[in-house]
Amino acid sequence: MAWIGTIPDDEWEGALGDLFGEVVDRTSGRVDEIMAIHSLNPRGMSAHSGLYQSAMAGTKTLRKVERELIALVVSLENECHY
């Protein structure tokens, strides 16, 4: 796996700090690595977060539980712990 430098989430300030509440995992109080890689580019993080929220909130034809199950199956197939 590639190493990507990030700004630790307890050091976020300015535009990045403004995004913390949007991307923090409320259970752990930490930011997942997939979002943390955007810490050097707050606009990219905001776009990624918006896309994720849209996909998970998204359609009239799938319930939230169904979207979560699809995400789980895709993650398992990709051998991703998320």
Protein backbone atom coordinates (compact mmCIF):
# COMPACT_ATOMS: atom_id res chain seq x y z
CA MET A 1 0.00 0.00 0.00
CA ALA A 2 1.26 3.49 -0.81
CA TRP A 3 2.12 5.89 1.97
CA ILE A 4 0.35 9.23 1.74
CA GLY A 5 1.17 12.08 4.10
CA THR A 6 -1.76 13.49 6.02
CA ILE A 7 -2.43 16.17 8.59
CA PRO A 8 -3.39 14.51 11.90
CA ASP A 9 -7.07 15.19 12.56
CA ASP A 10 -6.32 16.77 15.93
CA GLU A 11 -4.31 19.45 14.08
CA TRP A 12 -6.94 20.47 11.54
CA GLU A 13 -7.49 24.23 11.26
CA GLY A 14 -9.30 26.63 8.95
CA ALA A 15 -11.21 25.07 6.05
CA LEU A 16 -9.99 21.62 7.03
CA GLY A 17 -11.13 22.12 10.63
CA ASP A 18 -14.55 23.20 9.36
CA LEU A 19 -14.94 19.78 7.71
CA PHE A 20 -14.13 17.76 10.83
CA GLY A 21 -17.73 17.44 12.02
CA GLU A 22 -18.77 16.30 8.55
CA VAL A 23 -16.21 13.49 8.23
CA VAL A 24 -15.49 12.31 11.78
CA ASP A 25 -16.66 8.85 12.80
CA ARG A 26 -18.97 9.65 15.70
CA THR A 27 -18.33 6.28 17.33
CA SER A 28 -14.53 6.45 17.43
CA GLY A 29 -14.08 10.21 17.33
CA ARG A 30 -11.48 9.77 14.58
CA VAL A 31 -11.40 10.36 10.84
CA ASP A 32 -11.21 7.23 8.67
CA GLU A 33 -8.04 6.86 6.59
CA ILE A 34 -9.98 7.08 3.33
CA MET A 35 -11.06 10.61 4.26
CA ALA A 36 -7.80 11.56 6.00
CA ILE A 37 -5.88 11.21 2.74
CA HIS A 38 -7.70 14.34 1.63
CA SER A 39 -6.37 16.39 4.54
CA LEU A 40 -3.92 18.22 2.26
CA ASN A 41 -6.79 19.20 -0.04
CA PRO A 42 -9.92 20.31 1.87
CA ARG A 43 -11.85 20.93 -1.37
CA GLY A 44 -11.19 17.32 -2.41
CA MET A 45 -12.31 16.12 1.01
CA SER A 46 -15.51 18.14 0.79
CA ALA A 47 -16.24 16.73 -2.68
CA HIS A 48 -15.57 13.14 -1.54
CA SER A 49 -17.78 13.63 1.50
CA GLY A 50 -20.58 15.07 -0.62
CA LEU A 51 -20.41 12.17 -3.06
CA TYR A 52 -20.47 9.63 -0.22
CA GLN A 53 -23.39 11.34 1.51
CA SER A 54 -25.33 11.50 -1.74
CA ALA A 55 -24.72 7.81 -2.47
CA MET A 56 -25.77 6.75 1.01
CA ALA A 57 -28.76 9.09 1.34
CA GLY A 58 -29.76 8.77 -2.13
CA THR A 59 -32.57 7.07 -3.92
CA LYS A 60 -36.27 6.49 -3.55
CA THR A 61 -35.91 2.88 -4.71
CA LEU A 62 -33.41 1.64 -2.08
CA ARG A 63 -33.77 1.87 1.68
CA LYS A 64 -30.77 2.94 3.74
CA VAL A 65 -30.25 -0.61 5.00
CA GLU A 66 -30.11 -1.87 1.41
CA ARG A 67 -27.50 0.75 0.45
CA GLU A 68 -25.45 -0.22 3.53
CA LEU A 69 -25.63 -3.90 2.56
CA ILE A 70 -24.49 -3.13 -0.97
CA ALA A 71 -21.57 -1.12 0.43
CA LEU A 72 -20.69 -4.03 2.73
CA VAL A 73 -20.68 -6.57 -0.11
CA VAL A 74 -18.57 -4.32 -2.33
CA SER A 75 -16.10 -3.76 0.52
CA LEU A 76 -15.87 -7.50 1.19
CA GLU A 77 -15.29 -8.23 -2.50
CA ASN A 78 -12.57 -5.57 -2.59
CA GLU A 79 -11.07 -6.96 0.63
CA CYS A 80 -11.50 -3.54 2.22
CA HIS A 81 -12.07 -3.36 5.97
CA TYR A 82 -14.37 -0.36 5.56
